Amino acid sequence: MKDYHEMSPYLAKVCEQVKARSIHPELRRELGSHLQDLADERESQGYVREEAVQWAMQQMGDPATVGQSLNRIHRPRMNWGLVAGALLFAVSGIVGMFSLSASSYASTRINPYLPQFGERHLVYVCMALLLMLGLSVLDYRKLRSLSWPLYALTLAGMLAVQFSRNMVNGVYRWLILPFNFAIDVMGWSPYLLIVALAGIWGGSGTRQTGGKLPINGWRAILLIGAPILLYWRGHVLPELVLFAAVSLVLFAWLSGKWRRVILIAAGLASAGLLAVWNSDYYSDRLSAALNPAMFSDGAGYIHVKLIEAVASAGWWGHGFGAANEQLPYLYSDMLFPYLIYSFGWAAGFLLAGLILWFVARTVGAWFSVRDLYGRALIAGIGLILAFQLVYGVVKLSGHVLIVGFPLPFLSYGGSHLLIEYGALGLLLGVYRRKDIIPGCAVSSRRNF
């Protein structure tokens, strides 16, 4: 106790220089322990305790200098690579929407908002970027206690939407709010559910020997199975596949039960293929994806036109404002092919490279974070975004199923832009605090 009293002014001066107040108790413990070790070593050489303590503090160095060094280590760090990627995605999407606005595509559709693609998309992007920046500065750890309520509320929203009257293309997925703002509840749900599961599975407890968390397997199956049933009931198959894949990978990583997950995934995949085989609609679409030319007058028509649009672009495309009346949903599902059609293969390679670079930066962010809950959030969010981004690239081949996946960060629509940029903001918030959360203080003098 006496040692601590003598060391307290020294530790206080060190902490005065560290702006991250949340780690002050941790720094005091770590530095105090290190000073105690130095003092014990000095005392064993025959010096009295008081002299040993003073010598230990001298060896540690000037407290202001030590504190400034620690402040440089334990400070918020924005992942500017991911921010730059998000801004480049935003610019690409804005350019694409203004090109659509300038094309005859907008004037030949009956939707009165289509000629305003560029202006409206610009407003949505600005709103989404503000949300991203806001979430990046919040303390993500506060979400941990909300994991169960978030999971239950998302399930309730998914169930409520299916009993609503807001059907779009034969699917109930939208919730209409005041001022006629529509939320794609089914589109939001994979993000919200994965964030909730990251908190439920990785937000409490510590890893056991072997790097596994003590997660109840049967309860985990129920937590994954309930949303899958709601997706299946509502015929929302793209989000079903996305949620099932990401949640199973997250569970396998946190629990270490990879064999069990592989068996479950194989069973779900077999059931899905059987359902496709027994459905004329889906079996035709799968056959068309594998051989578009054979089904060019039916289910393979879009695949053929996609391949033709990309092939006809050349290196520099057909120019700003080019129109392609043969591809549907140019503002969402087919935005990437349209950007290549308008601006050429060069633009396509650049955008594909940006996507791969963005995914690589996300993986790097995951490796750099040590907090288990934070890593679980990055893993879940990163997998959702990466799956859709990579699918957008692979779809250019014309030989994969074309499903309702808008290209994240680029496609038109306020609802999905908000959840995508909001999810990225949460990911950035985890990275920003990787060096300032308790437990990350450095206890070795060589790091000062």
Protein backbone atom coordinates (compact mmCIF):
# COMPACT_ATOMS: atom_id res chain seq x y z
CA MET A 1 0.00 0.00 0.00
CA LYS A 2 2.85 2.35 0.84
CA ASP A 3 4.48 1.64 -2.53
CA TYR A 4 1.27 2.45 -4.32
CA HIS A 5 0.96 5.72 -2.38
CA GLU A 6 4.44 6.73 -3.47
CA MET A 7 3.82 5.69 -7.06
CA SER A 8 0.37 7.33 -7.30
CA PRO A 9 1.59 10.85 -8.26
CA TYR A 10 3.82 9.33 -10.94
CA LEU A 11 0.94 7.25 -12.35
CA ALA A 12 -1.39 10.26 -12.23
CA LYS A 13 1.05 12.36 -14.29
CA VAL A 14 1.32 9.56 -16.84
CA CYS A 15 -2.45 9.27 -17.17
CA GLU A 16 -2.85 13.05 -17.54
CA GLN A 17 -1.21 12.74 -20.96
CA VAL A 18 -3.48 9.90 -22.14
CA LYS A 19 -6.73 11.23 -23.59
CA ALA A 20 -8.43 7.82 -23.65
CA ARG A 21 -9.83 7.96 -20.11
CA SER A 22 -11.42 4.53 -20.37
CA ILE A 23 -8.02 2.86 -20.16
CA HIS A 24 -6.68 4.92 -17.22
CA PRO A 25 -7.50 2.21 -14.62
CA GLU A 26 -5.88 -0.42 -16.83
CA LEU A 27 -2.78 1.71 -17.33
CA ARG A 28 -2.50 2.31 -13.60
CA ARG A 29 -2.64 -1.41 -12.92
CA GLU A 30 -0.20 -2.32 -15.69
CA LEU A 31 2.33 0.42 -14.93
CA GLY A 32 1.96 -0.07 -11.18
CA SER A 33 2.65 -3.78 -11.57
CA HIS A 34 5.70 -3.11 -13.71
CA LEU A 35 7.04 -0.57 -11.18
CA GLN A 36 6.50 -3.09 -8.39
CA ASP A 37 8.52 -5.68 -10.32
CA LEU A 38 11.39 -3.23 -10.86
CA ALA A 39 11.34 -2.19 -7.20
CA ASP A 40 11.35 -5.83 -6.04
CA GLU A 41 14.31 -6.58 -8.28
CA ARG A 42 16.20 -3.57 -6.94
CA GLU A 43 15.37 -4.43 -3.35
CA SER A 44 16.71 -7.97 -3.85
CA GLN A 45 20.08 -6.36 -4.56
CA GLY A 46 20.23 -4.99 -1.01
CA TYR A 47 18.64 -1.56 -1.37
CA VAL A 48 15.97 -0.31 1.05
CA ARG A 49 12.40 -0.30 -0.23
CA GLU A 50 12.01 3.47 -0.52
CA GLU A 51 15.17 3.79 -2.59
CA ALA A 52 14.11 0.83 -4.75
CA VAL A 53 10.75 2.47 -5.51
CA GLN A 54 12.37 5.79 -6.41
CA TRP A 55 14.88 3.99 -8.63
CA ALA A 56 12.06 2.09 -10.38
CA MET A 57 10.26 5.33 -11.27
CA GLN A 58 13.51 6.84 -12.54
CA GLN A 59 14.07 3.79 -14.74
CA MET A 60 10.56 4.11 -16.16
CA GLY A 61 11.36 7.63 -17.33
CA ASP A 62 9.80 11.04 -17.16
CA PRO A 63 6.04 10.57 -16.53
CA ALA A 64 5.05 13.22 -19.08
CA THR A 65 7.19 11.57 -21.76
CA VAL A 66 5.85 8.11 -20.89
CA GLY A 67 2.28 9.42 -20.96
CA GLN A 68 2.74 11.10 -24.34
CA SER A 69 4.15 7.86 -25.75
CA LEU A 70 1.19 5.90 -24.41
CA ASN A 71 -1.20 8.51 -25.79
CA ARG A 72 0.23 7.97 -29.27
CA ILE A 73 -0.35 4.24 -28.87
CA HIS A 74 -3.78 4.32 -27.22
CA ARG A 75 -5.71 6.79 -29.32
CA PRO A 76 -8.64 6.50 -31.71
CA ARG A 77 -7.53 5.32 -35.13
CA MET A 78 -9.79 5.73 -38.13
CA ASN A 79 -9.37 3.16 -40.88
CA TRP A 80 -8.93 5.69 -43.66
CA GLY A 81 -8.56 2.92 -46.22
CA LEU A 82 -12.14 1.74 -45.63
CA VAL A 83 -13.37 5.33 -45.53
CA ALA A 84 -11.68 6.05 -48.86
CA GLY A 85 -13.22 2.88 -50.29
CA ALA A 86 -16.68 3.94 -49.13
CA LEU A 87 -16.25 7.40 -50.69
CA LEU A 88 -15.07 5.91 -53.98
CA PHE A 89 -18.07 3.59 -53.99
CA ALA A 90 -20.32 6.57 -53.29
CA VAL A 91 -18.83 8.58 -56.16
CA SER A 92 -19.18 5.61 -58.53
CA GLY A 93 -22.84 5.19 -57.61
CA ILE A 94 -23.56 8.91 -57.99
CA VAL A 95 -21.94 8.99 -61.43
CA GLY A 96 -23.96 5.94 -62.46
CA MET A 97 -27.24 7.47 -61.29
CA PHE A 98 -26.63 10.78 -63.07
CA SER A 99 -25.76 8.81 -66.19
CA LEU A 100 -29.09 6.99 -65.89
CA SER A 101 -30.85 10.31 -65.39
CA ALA A 102 -29.32 11.60 -68.61
CA SER A 103 -30.23 8.48 -70.60
CA SER A 104 -33.46 7.61 -72.38
CA TYR A 105 -33.91 4.80 -69.83
CA ALA A 106 -35.47 7.22 -67.37
CA SER A 107 -37.84 8.86 -69.85
CA THR A 108 -39.24 5.57 -71.10
CA ARG A 109 -40.38 4.35 -67.67
CA ILE A 110 -43.64 5.39 -66.06
CA ASN A 111 -42.11 5.93 -62.59
CA PRO A 112 -41.99 9.76 -62.20
CA TYR A 113 -38.95 9.57 -59.88
CA LEU A 114 -36.65 7.84 -62.38
CA PRO A 115 -35.52 11.04 -64.16
CA GLN A 116 -34.39 12.29 -60.73
CA PHE A 117 -32.06 9.35 -60.06
CA GLY A 118 -28.97 11.48 -59.67
CA GLU A 119 -30.38 14.15 -57.34
CA ARG A 120 -32.29 11.75 -55.13
CA HIS A 121 -29.38 9.30 -54.92
CA LEU A 122 -27.03 12.13 -53.96
CA VAL A 123 -29.32 13.03 -51.06
CA TYR A 124 -29.50 9.39 -49.94
CA VAL A 125 -25.71 9.04 -50.08
CA CYS A 126 -25.18 12.18 -48.00
CA MET A 127 -27.62 10.89 -45.37
CA ALA A 128 -25.93 7.48 -45.35
CA LEU A 129 -22.42 8.96 -45.02
CA LEU A 130 -23.54 11.11 -42.09
CA LEU A 131 -24.96 8.00 -40.42
CA MET A 132 -21.69 6.15 -41.08
CA LEU A 133 -19.62 8.90 -39.48
CA GLY A 134 -22.00 9.15 -36.52
CA LEU A 135 -21.85 5.43 -35.76
CA SER A 136 -18.07 5.37 -36.18
CA VAL A 137 -17.60 7.64 -33.14
CA LEU A 138 -20.06 5.83 -30.86
CA ASP A 139 -18.88 3.22 -28.37
CA TYR A 140 -19.87 -0.06 -30.00
CA ARG A 141 -19.67 -1.91 -26.67
CA LYS A 142 -22.94 -0.30 -25.61
CA LEU A 143 -24.70 -2.45 -28.21
CA ARG A 144 -23.76 -5.61 -26.33
CA SER A 145 -26.52 -5.23 -23.73
CA LEU A 146 -29.06 -4.64 -26.52
CA SER A 147 -28.30 -7.87 -28.38
CA TRP A 148 -31.32 -9.86 -27.21
CA PRO A 149 -33.81 -6.95 -27.63
CA LEU A 150 -32.37 -6.27 -31.10
CA TYR A 151 -32.80 -9.92 -32.09
CA ALA A 152 -36.38 -10.06 -30.80
CA LEU A 153 -37.33 -6.73 -32.37
CA THR A 154 -35.94 -7.79 -35.75
CA LEU A 155 -37.90 -11.05 -35.68
CA ALA A 156 -41.04 -9.11 -34.72
CA GLY A 157 -40.49 -6.74 -37.63
CA MET A 158 -40.00 -9.61 -40.07
CA LEU A 159 -43.20 -11.23 -38.84
CA ALA A 160 -45.17 -7.96 -38.93
CA VAL A 161 -44.12 -7.23 -42.51
CA GLN A 162 -45.45 -10.58 -43.67
CA PHE A 163 -48.90 -9.67 -42.38
CA SER A 164 -48.84 -6.22 -43.92
CA ARG A 165 -50.30 -5.27 -47.30
CA ASN A 166 -47.10 -3.82 -48.75
CA MET A 167 -46.31 -6.43 -51.39
CA VAL A 168 -43.59 -5.74 -53.97
CA ASN A 169 -43.00 -8.26 -56.77
CA GLY A 170 -44.94 -10.89 -54.86
CA VAL A 171 -42.90 -10.49 -51.65
CA TYR A 172 -43.78 -8.83 -48.37
CA ARG A 173 -40.65 -7.02 -47.22
CA TRP A 174 -41.37 -3.30 -46.82
CA LEU A 175 -42.52 -1.26 -43.84
CA ILE A 176 -43.99 2.14 -44.70
CA LEU A 177 -43.21 4.89 -42.18
CA PRO A 178 -44.60 8.43 -41.92
CA PHE A 179 -43.63 10.85 -44.71
CA ASN A 180 -43.83 7.88 -47.09
CA PHE A 181 -40.37 6.59 -46.15
CA ALA A 182 -40.12 2.86 -46.81
CA ILE A 183 -37.79 0.52 -44.92
CA ASP A 184 -36.81 -2.77 -46.49
CA VAL A 185 -37.18 -4.78 -43.29
CA MET A 186 -36.13 -8.03 -44.94
CA GLY A 187 -33.12 -6.34 -46.48
CA TRP A 188 -32.11 -4.83 -43.14
CA SER A 189 -32.71 -8.01 -41.17
CA PRO A 190 -29.45 -9.90 -41.98
CA TYR A 191 -27.39 -6.98 -40.68
CA LEU A 192 -29.47 -6.54 -37.53
CA LEU A 193 -29.64 -10.25 -36.77
CA ILE A 194 -25.90 -10.78 -37.24
CA VAL A 195 -25.10 -7.80 -34.99
CA ALA A 196 -27.44 -9.30 -32.38
CA LEU A 197 -25.90 -12.77 -32.66
CA ALA A 198 -22.38 -11.32 -32.40
CA GLY A 199 -23.40 -9.87 -29.03
CA ILE A 200 -25.25 -12.98 -27.87
CA TRP A 201 -22.41 -15.36 -28.77
CA GLY A 202 -19.28 -13.23 -28.55
CA GLY A 203 -20.28 -10.43 -26.22
CA SER A 204 -19.91 -12.25 -22.91
CA GLY A 205 -17.66 -14.83 -21.36
CA THR A 206 -14.10 -15.72 -22.25
CA ARG A 207 -12.61 -18.26 -24.57
CA GLN A 208 -11.97 -21.70 -23.19
CA THR A 209 -8.78 -23.67 -23.76
CA GLY A 210 -8.38 -24.23 -27.48
CA GLY A 211 -9.93 -20.91 -28.44
CA LYS A 212 -13.59 -21.91 -28.15
CA LEU A 213 -16.50 -20.15 -26.49
CA PRO A 214 -18.97 -22.15 -24.40
CA ILE A 215 -21.93 -21.62 -26.75
CA ASN A 216 -25.04 -23.76 -26.35
CA GLY A 217 -25.37 -25.57 -29.68
CA TRP A 218 -29.10 -26.27 -29.57
CA ARG A 219 -29.94 -22.71 -28.62
CA ALA A 220 -27.72 -21.48 -31.43
CA ILE A 221 -29.60 -23.68 -33.90
CA LEU A 222 -32.88 -22.16 -32.73
CA LEU A 223 -31.49 -18.64 -33.03
CA ILE A 224 -30.43 -19.33 -36.61
CA GLY A 225 -33.47 -21.43 -37.50
CA ALA A 226 -36.19 -18.96 -36.47
CA PRO A 227 -35.19 -16.25 -39.00
CA ILE A 228 -34.63 -18.90 -41.71
CA LEU A 229 -38.23 -20.07 -41.26
CA LEU A 230 -39.50 -16.50 -41.57
CA TYR A 231 -37.43 -15.91 -44.70
CA TRP A 232 -38.75 -19.16 -46.17
CA ARG A 233 -42.33 -18.31 -45.27
CA GLY A 234 -42.01 -14.91 -46.92
CA HIS A 235 -40.20 -16.30 -50.02
CA VAL A 236 -37.27 -14.00 -49.31
CA LEU A 237 -34.61 -16.39 -50.56
CA PRO A 238 -31.57 -14.13 -51.18
CA GLU A 239 -31.57 -12.86 -47.58
CA LEU A 240 -32.20 -16.42 -46.36
CA VAL A 241 -29.02 -17.66 -48.05
CA LEU A 242 -27.04 -14.62 -46.91
CA PHE A 243 -28.11 -14.87 -43.26
CA ALA A 244 -27.73 -18.65 -43.09
CA ALA A 245 -24.20 -18.58 -44.54
CA VAL A 246 -22.90 -15.73 -42.39
CA SER A 247 -24.53 -16.90 -39.13
CA LEU A 248 -23.18 -20.43 -39.55
CA VAL A 249 -19.65 -19.18 -40.22
CA LEU A 250 -19.86 -16.85 -37.22
CA PHE A 251 -21.10 -19.65 -34.98
CA ALA A 252 -18.42 -22.06 -36.22
CA TRP A 253 -15.63 -19.56 -35.60
CA LEU A 254 -16.78 -18.58 -32.10
CA SER A 255 -17.63 -22.09 -30.94
CA GLY A 256 -14.98 -24.04 -32.83
CA LYS A 257 -17.63 -26.57 -33.95
CA TRP A 258 -16.67 -26.56 -37.61
CA ARG A 259 -17.59 -30.19 -38.28
CA ARG A 260 -21.09 -29.73 -36.91
CA VAL A 261 -21.55 -26.55 -38.94
CA ILE A 262 -20.34 -28.23 -42.13
CA LEU A 263 -22.89 -31.02 -41.63
CA ILE A 264 -25.68 -28.47 -41.00
CA ALA A 265 -24.63 -26.44 -44.04
CA ALA A 266 -24.56 -29.58 -46.19
CA GLY A 267 -28.06 -30.47 -45.00
CA LEU A 268 -29.41 -26.99 -45.73
CA ALA A 269 -27.74 -26.95 -49.15
CA SER A 270 -29.19 -30.37 -49.99
CA ALA A 271 -32.66 -29.26 -48.93
CA GLY A 272 -32.31 -26.11 -51.02
CA LEU A 273 -31.19 -28.02 -54.11
CA LEU A 274 -34.06 -30.46 -53.66
CA ALA A 275 -36.51 -27.57 -53.46
CA VAL A 276 -35.02 -26.06 -56.61
CA TRP A 277 -35.22 -29.39 -58.41
CA ASN A 278 -38.90 -29.76 -57.51
CA SER A 279 -39.74 -26.22 -58.62
CA ASP A 280 -40.10 -25.61 -62.35
CA TYR A 281 -39.46 -21.88 -61.85
CA TYR A 282 -36.19 -22.21 -59.95
CA SER A 283 -34.91 -25.22 -61.89
CA ASP A 284 -35.43 -23.27 -65.14
CA ARG A 285 -33.54 -20.27 -63.72
CA LEU A 286 -30.67 -22.48 -62.57
CA SER A 287 -30.48 -24.20 -65.95
CA ALA A 288 -30.55 -20.81 -67.68
CA ALA A 289 -27.66 -19.58 -65.56
CA LEU A 290 -25.57 -22.60 -66.46
CA ASN A 291 -26.38 -22.41 -70.17
CA PRO A 292 -27.91 -19.03 -71.09
CA ALA A 293 -27.77 -19.56 -74.86
CA MET A 294 -30.00 -22.63 -74.67
CA PHE A 295 -32.70 -20.66 -72.82
CA SER A 296 -32.22 -17.29 -74.54
CA ASP A 297 -35.93 -16.96 -75.30
CA GLY A 298 -36.95 -17.58 -71.70
CA ALA A 299 -35.19 -17.66 -68.36
CA GLY A 300 -31.79 -17.13 -69.97
CA TYR A 301 -32.75 -13.88 -71.72
CA ILE A 302 -31.38 -11.57 -69.03
CA HIS A 303 -28.16 -13.59 -68.79
CA VAL A 304 -27.62 -13.30 -72.53
CA LYS A 305 -28.30 -9.57 -72.54
CA LEU A 306 -25.97 -9.07 -69.58
CA ILE A 307 -23.15 -10.88 -71.38
CA GLU A 308 -23.82 -8.88 -74.55
CA ALA A 309 -23.85 -5.57 -72.66
CA VAL A 310 -20.50 -6.24 -71.02
CA ALA A 311 -18.95 -7.59 -74.24
CA SER A 312 -20.09 -4.58 -76.30
CA ALA A 313 -18.63 -2.01 -73.90
CA GLY A 314 -15.04 -2.13 -75.11
CA TRP A 315 -12.35 -0.48 -73.05
CA TRP A 316 -14.09 2.91 -72.81
CA GLY A 317 -17.80 2.09 -73.06
CA HIS A 318 -20.67 3.86 -74.80
CA GLY A 319 -20.27 7.07 -72.84
CA PHE A 320 -22.07 9.03 -70.14
CA GLY A 321 -25.83 8.84 -70.50
CA ALA A 322 -25.79 5.64 -72.54
CA ALA A 323 -29.09 3.77 -72.47
CA ASN A 324 -29.63 0.04 -72.35
CA GLU A 325 -33.28 -0.85 -72.61
CA GLN A 326 -32.73 -4.60 -72.51
CA LEU A 327 -31.44 -4.93 -68.94
CA PRO A 328 -33.90 -4.45 -66.07
CA TYR A 329 -33.21 -2.72 -62.76
CA LEU A 330 -30.19 -0.80 -64.01
CA TYR A 331 -30.32 1.34 -60.87
CA SER A 332 -29.93 -1.64 -58.48
CA ASP A 333 -29.30 -5.26 -59.47
CA MET A 334 -27.74 -4.40 -62.85
CA LEU A 335 -25.84 -1.26 -61.90
CA PHE A 336 -22.39 -2.84 -62.23
CA PRO A 337 -23.06 -4.12 -65.78
CA TYR A 338 -24.49 -0.70 -66.64
CA LEU A 339 -21.38 1.09 -65.37
CA ILE A 340 -19.24 -1.16 -67.58
CA TYR A 341 -21.62 -0.66 -70.52
CA SER A 342 -21.34 3.12 -70.12
CA PHE A 343 -17.70 3.58 -69.08
CA GLY A 344 -16.01 0.46 -70.40
CA TRP A 345 -13.95 -2.45 -69.23
CA ALA A 346 -11.37 -0.08 -67.75
CA ALA A 347 -13.97 1.23 -65.30
CA GLY A 348 -15.09 -2.33 -64.62
CA PHE A 349 -11.57 -3.47 -63.73
CA LEU A 350 -11.08 -0.44 -61.51
CA LEU A 351 -14.35 -1.06 -59.67
CA ALA A 352 -13.67 -4.79 -59.32
CA GLY A 353 -10.20 -3.97 -57.98
CA LEU A 354 -11.73 -1.51 -55.52
CA ILE A 355 -14.13 -4.20 -54.32
CA LEU A 356 -11.34 -6.74 -53.76
CA TRP A 357 -9.19 -4.09 -52.06
CA PHE A 358 -12.10 -3.12 -49.80
CA VAL A 359 -12.62 -6.76 -48.81
CA ALA A 360 -8.90 -7.14 -48.11
CA ARG A 361 -8.93 -4.03 -45.90
CA THR A 362 -11.87 -5.44 -43.98
CA VAL A 363 -10.00 -8.68 -43.36
CA GLY A 364 -7.01 -6.65 -42.19
CA ALA A 365 -9.22 -4.71 -39.78
CA TRP A 366 -10.50 -7.99 -38.33
CA PHE A 367 -6.97 -9.23 -37.68
CA SER A 368 -5.95 -5.96 -35.97
CA VAL A 369 -8.77 -5.98 -33.38
CA ARG A 370 -8.21 -7.92 -30.15
CA ASP A 371 -11.58 -7.47 -28.43
CA LEU A 372 -13.62 -10.63 -29.06
CA TYR A 373 -16.97 -8.85 -29.34
CA GLY A 374 -15.45 -6.31 -31.74
CA ARG A 375 -13.95 -9.07 -33.86
CA ALA A 376 -17.32 -10.84 -33.98
CA LEU A 377 -18.99 -7.64 -35.21
CA ILE A 378 -16.36 -7.10 -37.91
CA ALA A 379 -16.57 -10.74 -38.97
CA GLY A 380 -20.37 -10.68 -39.28
CA ILE A 381 -20.70 -7.28 -40.96
CA GLY A 382 -17.67 -7.86 -43.16
CA LEU A 383 -18.98 -11.22 -44.40
CA ILE A 384 -22.38 -9.75 -45.29
CA LEU A 385 -20.84 -6.90 -47.29
CA ALA A 386 -18.13 -9.06 -48.86
CA PHE A 387 -20.63 -11.71 -49.99
CA GLN A 388 -22.75 -9.14 -51.84
CA LEU A 389 -19.79 -7.24 -53.30
CA VAL A 390 -18.08 -10.37 -54.61
CA TYR A 391 -21.41 -11.65 -55.94
CA GLY A 392 -21.72 -8.39 -57.89
CA VAL A 393 -18.39 -9.12 -59.58
CA VAL A 394 -19.12 -12.81 -60.26
CA LYS A 395 -22.53 -11.93 -61.70
CA LEU A 396 -20.78 -10.21 -64.62
CA SER A 397 -19.96 -13.67 -66.01
CA GLY A 398 -23.66 -14.21 -66.74
CA HIS A 399 -23.45 -17.75 -65.37
CA VAL A 400 -24.78 -17.34 -61.84
CA LEU A 401 -28.32 -16.98 -60.60
CA ILE A 402 -29.49 -13.37 -60.79
CA VAL A 403 -31.18 -12.60 -57.50
CA GLY A 404 -32.31 -9.40 -55.82
CA PHE A 405 -28.98 -8.29 -54.37
CA PRO A 406 -28.26 -4.60 -54.96
CA LEU A 407 -24.58 -3.72 -55.14
CA PRO A 408 -23.69 -2.37 -51.65
CA PHE A 409 -22.82 1.34 -51.39
CA LEU A 410 -23.61 2.01 -55.06
CA SER A 411 -27.16 0.97 -55.93
CA TYR A 412 -30.11 3.33 -55.75
CA GLY A 413 -32.33 3.43 -52.67
CA GLY A 414 -32.30 5.22 -49.34
CA SER A 415 -33.25 2.19 -47.25
CA HIS A 416 -30.45 -0.16 -48.22
CA LEU A 417 -27.86 2.65 -48.38
CA LEU A 418 -28.61 3.58 -44.77
CA ILE A 419 -28.16 0.03 -43.47
CA GLU A 420 -25.01 -0.58 -45.56
CA TYR A 421 -23.22 2.62 -44.63
CA GLY A 422 -24.53 2.31 -41.08
CA ALA A 423 -23.06 -1.19 -40.82
CA LEU A 424 -19.75 0.11 -42.18
CA GLY A 425 -19.85 2.90 -39.59
CA LEU A 426 -20.22 0.32 -36.83
CA LEU A 427 -17.28 -1.62 -38.28
CA LEU A 428 -15.21 1.59 -38.36
CA GLY A 429 -16.18 2.26 -34.75
CA VAL A 430 -14.80 -1.11 -33.69
CA TYR A 431 -11.53 -0.44 -35.49
CA ARG A 432 -11.35 3.10 -34.08
CA ARG A 433 -11.31 1.76 -30.50
CA LYS A 434 -9.00 -1.18 -31.05
CA ASP A 435 -6.20 0.53 -29.06
CA ILE A 436 -8.24 2.37 -26.42
CA ILE A 437 -10.50 -0.25 -24.88
CA PRO A 438 -9.59 -1.73 -21.45
CA GLY A 439 -7.39 -4.77 -21.72
CA CYS A 440 -5.23 -3.34 -24.52
CA ALA A 441 -2.86 -1.38 -22.32
CA VAL A 442 0.75 -2.24 -22.83
CA SER A 443 2.45 -3.78 -19.83
CA SER A 444 5.98 -4.05 -21.11
CA ARG A 445 8.50 -1.23 -20.82
CA ARG A 446 9.77 -1.95 -24.32
CA ASN A 447 6.47 -0.60 -25.71
CA PHE A 448 6.83 2.79 -24.02
